[in-house]
């Protein structure tokens, strides 16, 4: 009997790209940027390694698409919510700040492993201004504009909007990523209480100047 040749079904390019992105996201979360190879990504996606490079060019570009775009998607979704009913949605400075603090903390909690792998990548590529960090900074411009536009009418005295936005993000990042360390051996407050405390600190600092 003649040996039968296995014919592999050709997958649509969109399906291949989706499979690669899903595999990359999983592996980057599990192993970090340095510990993840394009070969391993290809194997998990069940495609050839050549297709990984054909679709994304480099491992760094694939990381950006699989991980960094999650940050940008969050910011875009948040801004879309703001645009729906901006005049009615935020009636106080606390409402404005807390809405972002709460939403960002939820995003970080749900994607903690991805965030950690991003930070690991950024540590290795900190001198590359064209990398994912640049895209994240660009995405924050929308939040800066929101604070500039709505802040004054809600009583916020923001002298440096760019710094204020990054200070808020840094506090939430620190809380979510290092919560276990910060409360090791002591009673941990409820997450909602901690987020309200961050909001109070921010609002007090921006109002009572």
N, C-alpha and C. Protein backbone atom coordinates (compact mmCIF):
# COMPACT_ATOMS: atom_id res chain seq x y z
N UNK A 1 0.86 -1.20 0.00
CA UNK A 1 0.00 0.00 0.00
C UNK A 1 0.89 1.25 0.00
N UNK A 2 0.60 2.12 -0.90
CA UNK A 2 1.40 3.33 -0.97
C UNK A 2 1.21 4.16 0.29
N UNK A 3 2.31 4.72 0.74
CA UNK A 3 2.25 5.55 1.96
C UNK A 3 1.44 6.80 1.68
N UNK A 4 0.48 7.05 2.55
CA UNK A 4 -0.37 8.22 2.37
C UNK A 4 0.33 9.46 2.92
N UNK A 5 0.21 10.51 2.17
CA UNK A 5 0.80 11.78 2.58
C UNK A 5 -0.25 12.62 3.30
N UNK A 6 0.11 13.06 4.49
CA UNK A 6 -0.84 13.87 5.26
C UNK A 6 -0.90 15.27 4.67
N UNK A 7 -2.09 15.71 4.35
CA UNK A 7 -2.27 17.04 3.77
C UNK A 7 -2.73 17.99 4.87
N UNK A 8 -1.95 19.01 5.12
CA UNK A 8 -2.30 19.98 6.16
C UNK A 8 -3.22 21.05 5.58
N UNK A 9 -4.34 21.26 6.22
CA UNK A 9 -5.29 22.27 5.77
C UNK A 9 -4.68 23.66 5.90
N UNK A 10 -4.79 24.43 4.84
CA UNK A 10 -4.27 25.80 4.88
C UNK A 10 -5.23 26.68 5.67
N UNK A 11 -4.73 27.31 6.71
CA UNK A 11 -5.57 28.15 7.55
C UNK A 11 -5.59 29.58 7.02
N UNK A 12 -6.72 30.26 7.10
CA UNK A 12 -6.79 31.66 6.66
C UNK A 12 -5.79 32.50 7.44
N UNK A 13 -5.26 33.53 6.79
CA UNK A 13 -4.22 34.36 7.42
C UNK A 13 -4.71 34.99 8.72
N UNK A 14 -5.98 35.41 8.76
CA UNK A 14 -6.52 36.02 9.98
C UNK A 14 -6.55 35.01 11.12
N UNK A 15 -6.88 33.77 10.80
CA UNK A 15 -6.91 32.72 11.81
C UNK A 15 -5.51 32.42 12.32
N UNK A 16 -4.55 32.41 11.42
CA UNK A 16 -3.16 32.17 11.80
C UNK A 16 -2.68 33.27 12.74
N UNK A 17 -2.96 34.50 12.38
CA UNK A 17 -2.52 35.64 13.20
C UNK A 17 -3.15 35.59 14.60
N UNK A 18 -4.43 35.25 14.64
CA UNK A 18 -5.12 35.15 15.93
C UNK A 18 -4.51 34.05 16.79
N UNK A 19 -4.19 32.92 16.17
CA UNK A 19 -3.59 31.80 16.90
C UNK A 19 -2.21 32.17 17.44
N UNK A 20 -1.44 32.88 16.65
CA UNK A 20 -0.10 33.31 17.08
C UNK A 20 -0.21 34.27 18.25
N UNK A 21 -1.12 35.24 18.16
CA UNK A 21 -1.30 36.21 19.23
C UNK A 21 -1.73 35.53 20.53
N UNK A 22 -2.66 34.59 20.43
CA UNK A 22 -3.13 33.88 21.63
C UNK A 22 -2.01 33.09 22.27
N UNK A 23 -1.23 32.40 21.44
CA UNK A 23 -0.11 31.60 21.96
C UNK A 23 0.94 32.50 22.59
N UNK A 24 1.22 33.62 21.93
CA UNK A 24 2.23 34.55 22.44
C UNK A 24 1.81 35.13 23.77
N UNK A 25 0.55 35.52 23.89
CA UNK A 25 0.06 36.09 25.14
C UNK A 25 0.21 35.09 26.28
N UNK A 26 -0.16 33.85 26.04
CA UNK A 26 -0.06 32.82 27.06
C UNK A 26 1.39 32.59 27.48
N UNK A 27 2.28 32.46 26.50
CA UNK A 27 3.67 32.13 26.81
C UNK A 27 4.41 33.31 27.44
N UNK A 28 4.14 34.51 26.97
CA UNK A 28 4.78 35.68 27.59
C UNK A 28 4.35 35.80 29.04
N UNK A 29 3.09 35.49 29.32
CA UNK A 29 2.59 35.55 30.70
C UNK A 29 3.23 34.46 31.56
N UNK A 30 3.44 33.28 30.97
CA UNK A 30 4.01 32.16 31.72
C UNK A 30 5.51 32.29 31.94
N UNK A 31 6.23 32.73 30.89
CA UNK A 31 7.69 32.68 30.91
C UNK A 31 8.39 34.03 30.84
N UNK A 32 7.62 35.10 30.62
CA UNK A 32 8.26 36.39 30.45
C UNK A 32 8.83 36.55 29.06
N UNK A 33 9.31 37.75 28.76
CA UNK A 33 9.83 38.01 27.41
C UNK A 33 11.10 37.22 27.12
N UNK A 34 12.11 37.26 28.02
CA UNK A 34 13.36 36.54 27.69
C UNK A 34 13.18 35.03 27.59
N UNK A 35 12.27 34.46 28.37
CA UNK A 35 12.11 33.02 28.41
C UNK A 35 11.19 32.45 27.35
N UNK A 36 10.67 33.31 26.50
CA UNK A 36 9.76 32.85 25.45
C UNK A 36 10.43 32.95 24.09
N UNK A 37 10.49 31.86 23.38
CA UNK A 37 11.08 31.85 22.04
C UNK A 37 10.00 31.86 20.98
N UNK A 38 10.35 32.35 19.80
CA UNK A 38 9.40 32.33 18.70
C UNK A 38 9.07 30.89 18.30
N UNK A 39 10.03 30.00 18.49
CA UNK A 39 9.78 28.59 18.18
C UNK A 39 8.69 28.03 19.08
N UNK A 40 8.76 28.36 20.38
CA UNK A 40 7.75 27.88 21.32
C UNK A 40 6.38 28.45 20.99
N UNK A 41 6.35 29.72 20.60
CA UNK A 41 5.09 30.35 20.22
C UNK A 41 4.50 29.65 19.00
N UNK A 42 5.34 29.38 18.02
CA UNK A 42 4.88 28.70 16.80
C UNK A 42 4.33 27.32 17.12
N UNK A 43 5.00 26.60 18.00
CA UNK A 43 4.55 25.25 18.35
C UNK A 43 3.19 25.29 19.05
N UNK A 44 3.02 26.24 19.97
CA UNK A 44 1.73 26.31 20.66
C UNK A 44 0.61 26.77 19.72
N UNK A 45 0.95 27.64 18.78
CA UNK A 45 -0.04 28.12 17.82
C UNK A 45 -0.29 27.12 16.70
N UNK A 46 0.56 26.08 16.65
CA UNK A 46 0.48 25.05 15.61
C UNK A 46 0.65 25.65 14.22
N UNK A 47 1.69 26.49 14.11
CA UNK A 47 2.06 27.06 12.82
C UNK A 47 3.58 26.95 12.70
N UNK A 48 4.10 27.25 11.53
CA UNK A 48 5.55 27.24 11.36
C UNK A 48 6.14 28.51 11.96
N UNK A 49 7.39 28.43 12.41
CA UNK A 49 8.05 29.61 12.97
C UNK A 49 8.17 30.71 11.91
N UNK A 50 8.29 30.30 10.65
CA UNK A 50 8.38 31.29 9.57
C UNK A 50 7.14 32.18 9.53
N UNK A 51 5.97 31.60 9.82
CA UNK A 51 4.74 32.39 9.81
C UNK A 51 4.71 33.42 10.94
N UNK A 52 5.38 33.12 12.05
CA UNK A 52 5.47 34.08 13.14
C UNK A 52 6.20 35.32 12.65
N UNK A 53 7.31 35.12 11.98
CA UNK A 53 8.09 36.25 11.48
C UNK A 53 7.40 36.94 10.30
N UNK A 54 6.71 36.18 9.47
CA UNK A 54 5.99 36.77 8.34
C UNK A 54 4.91 37.72 8.83
N UNK A 55 4.23 37.34 9.92
CA UNK A 55 3.11 38.15 10.43
C UNK A 55 3.54 39.29 11.34
N UNK A 56 4.67 39.11 12.06
CA UNK A 56 5.02 40.12 13.06
C UNK A 56 6.44 40.66 12.94
N UNK A 57 7.28 40.04 12.16
CA UNK A 57 8.61 40.58 11.94
C UNK A 57 9.64 40.20 12.98
N UNK A 58 9.41 40.59 14.24
CA UNK A 58 10.35 40.30 15.32
C UNK A 58 9.59 39.86 16.56
N UNK A 59 10.31 39.27 17.50
CA UNK A 59 9.68 38.86 18.75
C UNK A 59 9.19 40.09 19.52
N UNK A 60 9.97 41.17 19.46
CA UNK A 60 9.56 42.40 20.15
C UNK A 60 8.27 42.95 19.58
N UNK A 61 8.13 42.92 18.25
CA UNK A 61 6.90 43.41 17.62
C UNK A 61 5.72 42.53 17.98
N UNK A 62 5.95 41.22 18.08
CA UNK A 62 4.89 40.30 18.48
C UNK A 62 4.49 40.56 19.93
N UNK A 63 5.47 40.82 20.78
CA UNK A 63 5.17 41.14 22.18
C UNK A 63 4.30 42.39 22.26
N UNK A 64 4.64 43.38 21.47
CA UNK A 64 3.87 44.62 21.48
C UNK A 64 2.42 44.35 21.08
N UNK A 65 2.23 43.54 20.04
CA UNK A 65 0.88 43.26 19.56
C UNK A 65 0.10 42.42 20.57
N UNK A 66 0.76 41.48 21.23
CA UNK A 66 0.07 40.56 22.13
C UNK A 66 -0.15 41.15 23.52
N UNK A 67 0.74 42.02 23.95
CA UNK A 67 0.69 42.52 25.32
C UNK A 67 0.37 44.01 25.39
N UNK A 68 1.16 44.82 24.66
CA UNK A 68 0.99 46.26 24.79
C UNK A 68 -0.35 46.73 24.28
N UNK A 69 -0.87 46.07 23.26
CA UNK A 69 -2.17 46.48 22.72
C UNK A 69 -3.28 46.33 23.74
N UNK A 70 -3.08 45.45 24.74
CA UNK A 70 -4.08 45.30 25.80
C UNK A 70 -4.20 46.59 26.61
N UNK A 71 -3.07 47.23 26.87
CA UNK A 71 -3.09 48.50 27.58
C UNK A 71 -3.85 49.54 26.76
N UNK A 72 -3.49 49.62 25.49
CA UNK A 72 -4.10 50.63 24.63
C UNK A 72 -5.60 50.40 24.48
N UNK A 73 -5.99 49.13 24.39
CA UNK A 73 -7.42 48.81 24.27
C UNK A 73 -8.16 49.25 25.52
N UNK A 74 -7.54 49.10 26.70
CA UNK A 74 -8.17 49.54 27.94
C UNK A 74 -8.37 51.05 27.94
N UNK A 75 -7.34 51.79 27.57
CA UNK A 75 -7.44 53.25 27.55
C UNK A 75 -8.52 53.69 26.56
N UNK A 76 -8.54 53.07 25.40
CA UNK A 76 -9.53 53.43 24.39
C UNK A 76 -10.95 53.16 24.88
N UNK A 77 -11.14 52.01 25.54
CA UNK A 77 -12.46 51.65 26.05
C UNK A 77 -12.90 52.63 27.14
N UNK A 78 -11.97 53.00 27.99
CA UNK A 78 -12.27 53.95 29.06
C UNK A 78 -12.67 55.30 28.50
N UNK A 79 -11.93 55.77 27.49
CA UNK A 79 -12.23 57.05 26.89
C UNK A 79 -13.56 57.02 26.15
N UNK A 80 -13.91 55.86 25.58
CA UNK A 80 -15.19 55.72 24.89
C UNK A 80 -16.34 55.89 25.89
N UNK A 81 -16.16 55.34 27.09
CA UNK A 81 -17.17 55.49 28.13
C UNK A 81 -17.31 56.94 28.55
N UNK A 82 -16.18 57.62 28.61
CA UNK A 82 -16.20 59.04 28.97
C UNK A 82 -16.98 59.83 27.93
N UNK A 83 -16.74 59.51 26.66
CA UNK A 83 -17.36 60.26 25.56
C UNK A 83 -18.88 60.07 25.52
N UNK A 84 -19.37 58.95 26.03
CA UNK A 84 -20.80 58.66 25.98
C UNK A 84 -21.63 59.70 26.73
N UNK A 85 -21.17 60.03 27.91
CA UNK A 85 -21.97 60.95 28.72
C UNK A 85 -21.09 61.74 29.66
N UNK A 86 -20.10 62.39 29.09
CA UNK A 86 -19.09 63.04 29.92
C UNK A 86 -19.67 64.10 30.84
N UNK A 87 -20.64 64.88 30.36
CA UNK A 87 -21.16 65.98 31.16
C UNK A 87 -21.92 65.48 32.38
N UNK A 88 -22.64 64.36 32.23
CA UNK A 88 -23.44 63.84 33.33
C UNK A 88 -22.68 62.85 34.20
N UNK A 89 -21.70 62.15 33.61
CA UNK A 89 -21.06 61.04 34.30
C UNK A 89 -20.23 61.47 35.49
N UNK A 90 -19.52 62.57 35.36
CA UNK A 90 -18.62 63.00 36.43
C UNK A 90 -19.11 64.33 37.00
N UNK A 91 -19.68 64.25 38.19
CA UNK A 91 -20.20 65.46 38.81
C UNK A 91 -19.26 65.99 39.90
N UNK A 92 -18.31 65.17 40.33
CA UNK A 92 -17.33 65.59 41.34
C UNK A 92 -15.94 65.15 40.91
N UNK A 93 -14.93 65.76 41.51
CA UNK A 93 -13.55 65.37 41.23
C UNK A 93 -13.32 63.93 41.65
N UNK A 94 -13.94 63.53 42.74
CA UNK A 94 -13.78 62.15 43.22
C UNK A 94 -14.30 61.16 42.17
N UNK A 95 -15.47 61.45 41.58
CA UNK A 95 -16.03 60.57 40.56
C UNK A 95 -15.08 60.40 39.38
N UNK A 96 -14.50 61.50 38.95
CA UNK A 96 -13.60 61.47 37.78
C UNK A 96 -12.38 60.61 38.06
N UNK A 97 -11.71 60.86 39.18
CA UNK A 97 -10.48 60.13 39.51
C UNK A 97 -10.78 58.68 39.86
N UNK A 98 -11.82 58.46 40.65
CA UNK A 98 -12.11 57.11 41.11
C UNK A 98 -12.53 56.20 39.96
N UNK A 99 -13.21 56.74 38.96
CA UNK A 99 -13.62 55.91 37.83
C UNK A 99 -12.41 55.30 37.13
N UNK A 100 -11.36 56.10 37.00
CA UNK A 100 -10.16 55.57 36.35
C UNK A 100 -9.38 54.66 37.29
N UNK A 101 -9.22 55.04 38.54
CA UNK A 101 -8.50 54.22 39.51
C UNK A 101 -9.12 52.83 39.60
N UNK A 102 -10.44 52.78 39.71
CA UNK A 102 -11.15 51.51 39.85
C UNK A 102 -11.03 50.66 38.58
N UNK A 103 -11.22 51.29 37.42
CA UNK A 103 -11.17 50.55 36.16
C UNK A 103 -9.75 50.04 35.87
N UNK A 104 -8.75 50.86 36.17
CA UNK A 104 -7.37 50.46 35.90
C UNK A 104 -6.95 49.33 36.84
N UNK A 105 -7.36 49.41 38.10
CA UNK A 105 -7.05 48.34 39.05
C UNK A 105 -7.69 47.02 38.62
N UNK A 106 -8.90 47.07 38.11
CA UNK A 106 -9.59 45.87 37.64
C UNK A 106 -8.84 45.26 36.46
N UNK A 107 -8.42 46.12 35.53
CA UNK A 107 -7.67 45.65 34.37
C UNK A 107 -6.36 44.99 34.80
N UNK A 108 -5.63 45.63 35.71
CA UNK A 108 -4.35 45.09 36.17
C UNK A 108 -4.52 43.76 36.88
N UNK A 109 -5.56 43.66 37.69
CA UNK A 109 -5.81 42.43 38.43
C UNK A 109 -6.12 41.28 37.49
N UNK A 110 -6.94 41.55 36.49
CA UNK A 110 -7.33 40.51 35.54
C UNK A 110 -6.19 40.11 34.60
N UNK A 111 -5.21 40.98 34.45
CA UNK A 111 -4.12 40.73 33.51
C UNK A 111 -2.75 40.85 34.19
N UNK A 112 -2.69 40.43 35.46
CA UNK A 112 -1.48 40.63 36.26
C UNK A 112 -0.25 39.99 35.63
N UNK A 113 -0.38 38.76 35.15
CA UNK A 113 0.78 38.08 34.58
C UNK A 113 1.26 38.77 33.31
N UNK A 114 0.32 39.27 32.51
CA UNK A 114 0.68 40.00 31.30
C UNK A 114 1.40 41.30 31.65
N UNK A 115 0.90 41.99 32.67
CA UNK A 115 1.53 43.24 33.09
C UNK A 115 2.95 43.00 33.57
N UNK A 116 3.14 41.93 34.34
CA UNK A 116 4.48 41.61 34.84
C UNK A 116 5.43 41.29 33.70
N UNK A 117 4.94 40.58 32.68
CA UNK A 117 5.81 40.27 31.55
C UNK A 117 6.15 41.54 30.77
N UNK A 118 5.20 42.48 30.71
CA UNK A 118 5.50 43.76 30.06
C UNK A 118 6.59 44.51 30.81
N UNK A 119 6.48 44.56 32.13
CA UNK A 119 7.48 45.27 32.93
C UNK A 119 8.85 44.62 32.77
N UNK A 120 8.85 43.30 32.66
CA UNK A 120 10.10 42.58 32.45
C UNK A 120 10.70 42.97 31.10
N UNK A 121 9.85 43.06 30.08
CA UNK A 121 10.33 43.46 28.76
C UNK A 121 10.87 44.88 28.80
N UNK A 122 10.13 45.76 29.45
CA UNK A 122 10.55 47.16 29.50
C UNK A 122 11.90 47.30 30.21
N UNK A 123 12.12 46.50 31.24
CA UNK A 123 13.40 46.54 31.94
C UNK A 123 14.54 46.20 30.98
N UNK A 124 14.30 45.25 30.08
CA UNK A 124 15.34 44.83 29.15
C UNK A 124 15.51 45.80 27.98
N UNK A 125 14.45 46.55 27.68
CA UNK A 125 14.49 47.43 26.50
C UNK A 125 14.27 48.89 26.88
N UNK A 126 14.70 49.26 28.08
CA UNK A 126 14.43 50.61 28.59
C UNK A 126 15.04 51.71 27.74
N UNK A 127 16.12 51.40 27.02
CA UNK A 127 16.78 52.42 26.22
C UNK A 127 16.21 52.52 24.81
N UNK A 128 15.21 51.70 24.50
CA UNK A 128 14.63 51.70 23.16
C UNK A 128 13.37 52.54 23.16
N UNK A 129 13.48 53.80 22.75
CA UNK A 129 12.34 54.71 22.81
C UNK A 129 11.25 54.36 21.81
N UNK A 130 11.54 53.47 20.87
CA UNK A 130 10.55 53.09 19.87
C UNK A 130 9.76 51.86 20.28
N UNK A 131 10.06 51.33 21.45
CA UNK A 131 9.41 50.10 21.91
C UNK A 131 8.06 50.35 22.53
N UNK A 132 7.48 49.34 23.18
CA UNK A 132 6.14 49.43 23.74
C UNK A 132 5.94 50.58 24.70
N UNK A 133 6.96 50.97 25.45
CA UNK A 133 6.79 52.05 26.42
C UNK A 133 6.34 53.33 25.73
N UNK A 134 6.86 53.59 24.53
CA UNK A 134 6.50 54.80 23.80
C UNK A 134 5.02 54.78 23.43
N UNK A 135 4.51 53.61 23.04
CA UNK A 135 3.10 53.50 22.69
C UNK A 135 2.21 53.71 23.90
N UNK A 136 2.60 53.17 25.04
CA UNK A 136 1.82 53.33 26.24
C UNK A 136 1.75 54.80 26.63
N UNK A 137 2.89 55.49 26.56
CA UNK A 137 2.92 56.91 26.89
C UNK A 137 2.02 57.71 25.97
N UNK A 138 1.99 57.33 24.70
CA UNK A 138 1.15 58.02 23.74
C UNK A 138 -0.32 57.82 24.06
N UNK A 139 -0.67 56.62 24.50
CA UNK A 139 -2.06 56.32 24.84
C UNK A 139 -2.55 57.16 26.02
N UNK A 140 -1.63 57.59 26.87
CA UNK A 140 -2.01 58.37 28.05
C UNK A 140 -2.39 59.80 27.71
N UNK A 141 -2.11 60.23 26.50
CA UNK A 141 -2.44 61.60 26.10
C UNK A 141 -3.94 61.86 26.24
N UNK A 142 -4.76 60.86 25.92
CA UNK A 142 -6.21 61.01 26.05
C UNK A 142 -6.61 61.29 27.49
N UNK A 143 -5.97 60.59 28.42
CA UNK A 143 -6.28 60.80 29.83
C UNK A 143 -5.80 62.17 30.30
N UNK A 144 -4.67 62.60 29.78
CA UNK A 144 -4.18 63.93 30.11
C UNK A 144 -5.17 65.00 29.65
N UNK A 145 -5.69 64.82 28.44
CA UNK A 145 -6.64 65.78 27.89
C UNK A 145 -7.94 65.79 28.68
N UNK A 146 -8.37 64.61 29.15
CA UNK A 146 -9.58 64.53 29.97
C UNK A 146 -9.39 65.31 31.26
N UNK A 147 -8.25 65.11 31.91
CA UNK A 147 -7.98 65.81 33.17
C UNK A 147 -7.87 67.31 32.95
N UNK A 148 -7.28 67.71 31.84
CA UNK A 148 -7.14 69.13 31.52
C UNK A 148 -8.50 69.75 31.25
N UNK A 149 -9.36 69.00 30.55
CA UNK A 149 -10.66 69.53 30.13
C UNK A 149 -11.66 69.58 31.27
N UNK A 150 -11.72 68.52 32.08
CA UNK A 150 -12.75 68.44 33.11
C UNK A 150 -12.25 68.83 34.49
N UNK A 151 -10.94 68.72 34.72
CA UNK A 151 -10.39 68.98 36.04
C UNK A 151 -10.76 70.33 36.64
N UNK A 152 -10.50 71.43 35.95
CA UNK A 152 -10.77 72.75 36.53
C UNK A 152 -12.22 72.96 36.94
N UNK A 153 -13.16 72.50 36.12
CA UNK A 153 -14.57 72.73 36.46
C UNK A 153 -15.01 71.88 37.65
N UNK A 154 -14.23 70.84 37.97
CA UNK A 154 -14.54 70.00 39.13
C UNK A 154 -13.69 70.37 40.34
N UNK A 155 -12.92 71.44 40.20
CA UNK A 155 -12.13 71.92 41.33
C UNK A 155 -10.73 71.38 41.44
N UNK A 156 -10.25 70.67 40.42
CA UNK A 156 -8.89 70.14 40.46
C UNK A 156 -7.90 71.19 39.97
N UNK A 157 -6.86 71.42 40.76
CA UNK A 157 -5.81 72.37 40.37
C UNK A 157 -4.60 71.57 39.88
N UNK A 158 -4.59 71.31 38.61
CA UNK A 158 -3.53 70.47 38.04
C UNK A 158 -2.50 71.35 37.36
N UNK A 159 -1.33 71.48 37.95
CA UNK A 159 -0.27 72.30 37.37
C UNK A 159 0.55 71.53 36.35
N UNK A 160 0.57 70.20 36.47
CA UNK A 160 1.30 69.37 35.53
C UNK A 160 0.46 68.12 35.26
N UNK A 161 -0.38 68.20 34.25
CA UNK A 161 -1.30 67.10 33.94
C UNK A 161 -0.57 65.81 33.62
N UNK A 162 0.50 65.93 32.86
CA UNK A 162 1.27 64.74 32.47
C UNK A 162 1.79 64.00 33.69
N UNK A 163 2.31 64.75 34.64
CA UNK A 163 2.84 64.12 35.86
C UNK A 163 1.72 63.56 36.72
N UNK A 164 0.60 64.27 36.80
CA UNK A 164 -0.52 63.83 37.63
C UNK A 164 -1.06 62.49 37.15
N UNK A 165 -1.25 62.34 35.83
CA UNK A 165 -1.77 61.08 35.28
C UNK A 165 -0.83 59.93 35.61
N UNK A 166 0.46 60.15 35.47
CA UNK A 166 1.43 59.08 35.71
C UNK A 166 1.57 58.76 37.20
N UNK A 167 1.36 59.75 38.04
CA UNK A 167 1.40 59.49 39.48
C UNK A 167 0.23 58.60 39.89
N UNK A 168 -0.94 58.85 39.33
CA UNK A 168 -2.11 58.04 39.64
C UNK A 168 -1.88 56.59 39.19
N UNK A 169 -1.39 56.44 37.97
CA UNK A 169 -1.14 55.11 37.43
C UNK A 169 -0.09 54.37 38.26
N UNK A 170 0.94 55.08 38.69
CA UNK A 170 2.00 54.45 39.49
C UNK A 170 1.47 53.94 40.82
N UNK A 171 0.58 54.70 41.44
CA UNK A 171 0.01 54.26 42.72
C UNK A 171 -0.82 52.99 42.55
N UNK A 172 -1.63 52.96 41.49
CA UNK A 172 -2.47 51.79 41.27
C UNK A 172 -1.61 50.58 40.90
N UNK A 173 -0.61 50.80 40.05
CA UNK A 173 0.31 49.72 39.70
C UNK A 173 0.98 49.13 40.94
N UNK A 174 1.48 50.02 41.79
CA UNK A 174 2.16 49.57 43.00
C UNK A 174 1.26 48.77 43.91
N UNK A 175 0.01 49.22 44.04
CA UNK A 175 -0.93 48.52 44.91
C UNK A 175 -1.24 47.12 44.38
N UNK A 176 -1.60 47.03 43.12
CA UNK A 176 -2.03 45.75 42.55
C UNK A 176 -0.88 44.76 42.43
N UNK A 177 0.28 45.22 41.98
CA UNK A 177 1.39 44.31 41.73
C UNK A 177 2.15 43.93 43.00
N UNK A 178 2.08 44.78 44.02
CA UNK A 178 2.85 44.50 45.24
C UNK A 178 1.98 44.40 46.49
N UNK A 179 0.71 44.14 46.28
CA UNK A 179 -0.23 44.08 47.40
C UNK A 179 0.17 43.04 48.43
N UNK A 180 0.58 41.87 47.98
CA UNK A 180 0.97 40.80 48.91
C UNK A 180 2.17 41.22 49.76
N UNK A 181 3.12 41.89 49.13
CA UNK A 181 4.31 42.33 49.85
C UNK A 181 3.98 43.43 50.85
N UNK A 182 3.16 44.40 50.43
CA UNK A 182 2.85 45.55 51.28
C UNK A 182 2.08 45.16 52.53
N UNK A 183 1.29 44.08 52.46
CA UNK A 183 0.46 43.70 53.60
C UNK A 183 0.85 42.35 54.19
N UNK A 184 2.07 41.92 53.92
CA UNK A 184 2.55 40.67 54.47
C UNK A 184 2.64 40.76 55.99
N UNK A 185 1.94 39.87 56.69
CA UNK A 185 2.00 39.83 58.14
C UNK A 185 1.07 40.78 58.85
N UNK A 186 0.33 41.59 58.10
CA UNK A 186 -0.62 42.52 58.71
C UNK A 186 -1.98 42.35 58.04
N UNK A 187 -3.01 42.86 58.69
CA UNK A 187 -4.36 42.73 58.15
C UNK A 187 -4.48 43.57 56.88
N UNK A 188 -4.99 42.93 55.83
CA UNK A 188 -5.12 43.61 54.55
C UNK A 188 -6.52 44.24 54.43
N UNK A 189 -6.58 45.54 54.13
CA UNK A 189 -7.89 46.17 53.94
C UNK A 189 -8.56 45.64 52.67
N UNK A 190 -9.84 45.84 52.55
CA UNK A 190 -10.56 45.44 51.35
C UNK A 190 -10.03 46.26 50.17
N UNK A 191 -10.02 45.65 48.99
CA UNK A 191 -9.51 46.34 47.81
C UNK A 191 -10.28 47.64 47.55
N UNK A 192 -11.59 47.61 47.71
CA UNK A 192 -12.40 48.81 47.46
C UNK A 192 -11.96 49.96 48.37
N UNK A 193 -11.66 49.63 49.63
CA UNK A 193 -11.23 50.67 50.57
C UNK A 193 -9.88 51.25 50.15
N UNK A 194 -8.98 50.40 49.68
CA UNK A 194 -7.67 50.87 49.26
C UNK A 194 -7.77 51.79 48.04
N UNK A 195 -8.66 51.45 47.12
CA UNK A 195 -8.82 52.27 45.92
C UNK A 195 -9.45 53.62 46.27
N UNK A 196 -10.36 53.61 47.21
CA UNK A 196 -10.95 54.87 47.65
C UNK A 196 -9.90 55.74 48.36
N UNK A 197 -9.01 55.11 49.09
CA UNK A 197 -7.95 55.85 49.78
C UNK A 197 -7.02 56.50 48.76
N UNK A 198 -6.67 55.76 47.71
CA UNK A 198 -5.83 56.33 46.65
C UNK A 198 -6.54 57.52 46.02
N UNK A 199 -7.83 57.35 45.74
CA UNK A 199 -8.60 58.44 45.13
C UNK A 199 -8.63 59.65 46.04
N UNK A 200 -8.87 59.44 47.34
CA UNK A 200 -8.89 60.56 48.29
C UNK A 200 -7.55 61.29 48.33
N UNK A 201 -6.45 60.52 48.31
CA UNK A 201 -5.12 61.13 48.33
C UNK A 201 -4.91 61.98 47.08
N UNK A 202 -5.29 61.46 45.93
CA UNK A 202 -5.12 62.20 44.69
C UNK A 202 -5.96 63.45 44.68
N UNK A 203 -7.24 63.30 45.00
CA UNK A 203 -8.15 64.46 44.96
C UNK A 203 -7.75 65.51 45.97
N UNK A 204 -7.39 65.09 47.18
CA UNK A 204 -6.95 66.05 48.20
C UNK A 204 -5.71 66.81 47.73
N UNK A 205 -4.79 66.09 47.11
CA UNK A 205 -3.57 66.74 46.64
C UNK A 205 -3.81 67.71 45.51
N UNK A 206 -4.84 67.44 44.69
CA UNK A 206 -5.10 68.29 43.54
C UNK A 206 -6.12 69.39 43.80
N UNK A 207 -6.80 69.30 44.94
CA UNK A 207 -7.79 70.32 45.28
C UNK A 207 -7.26 71.27 46.34
N UNK A 208 -6.68 70.70 47.38
CA UNK A 208 -6.25 71.52 48.52
C UNK A 208 -4.81 71.98 48.33
N UNK A 209 -4.59 72.81 47.35
CA UNK A 209 -3.25 73.33 47.09
C UNK A 209 -3.19 74.79 47.50
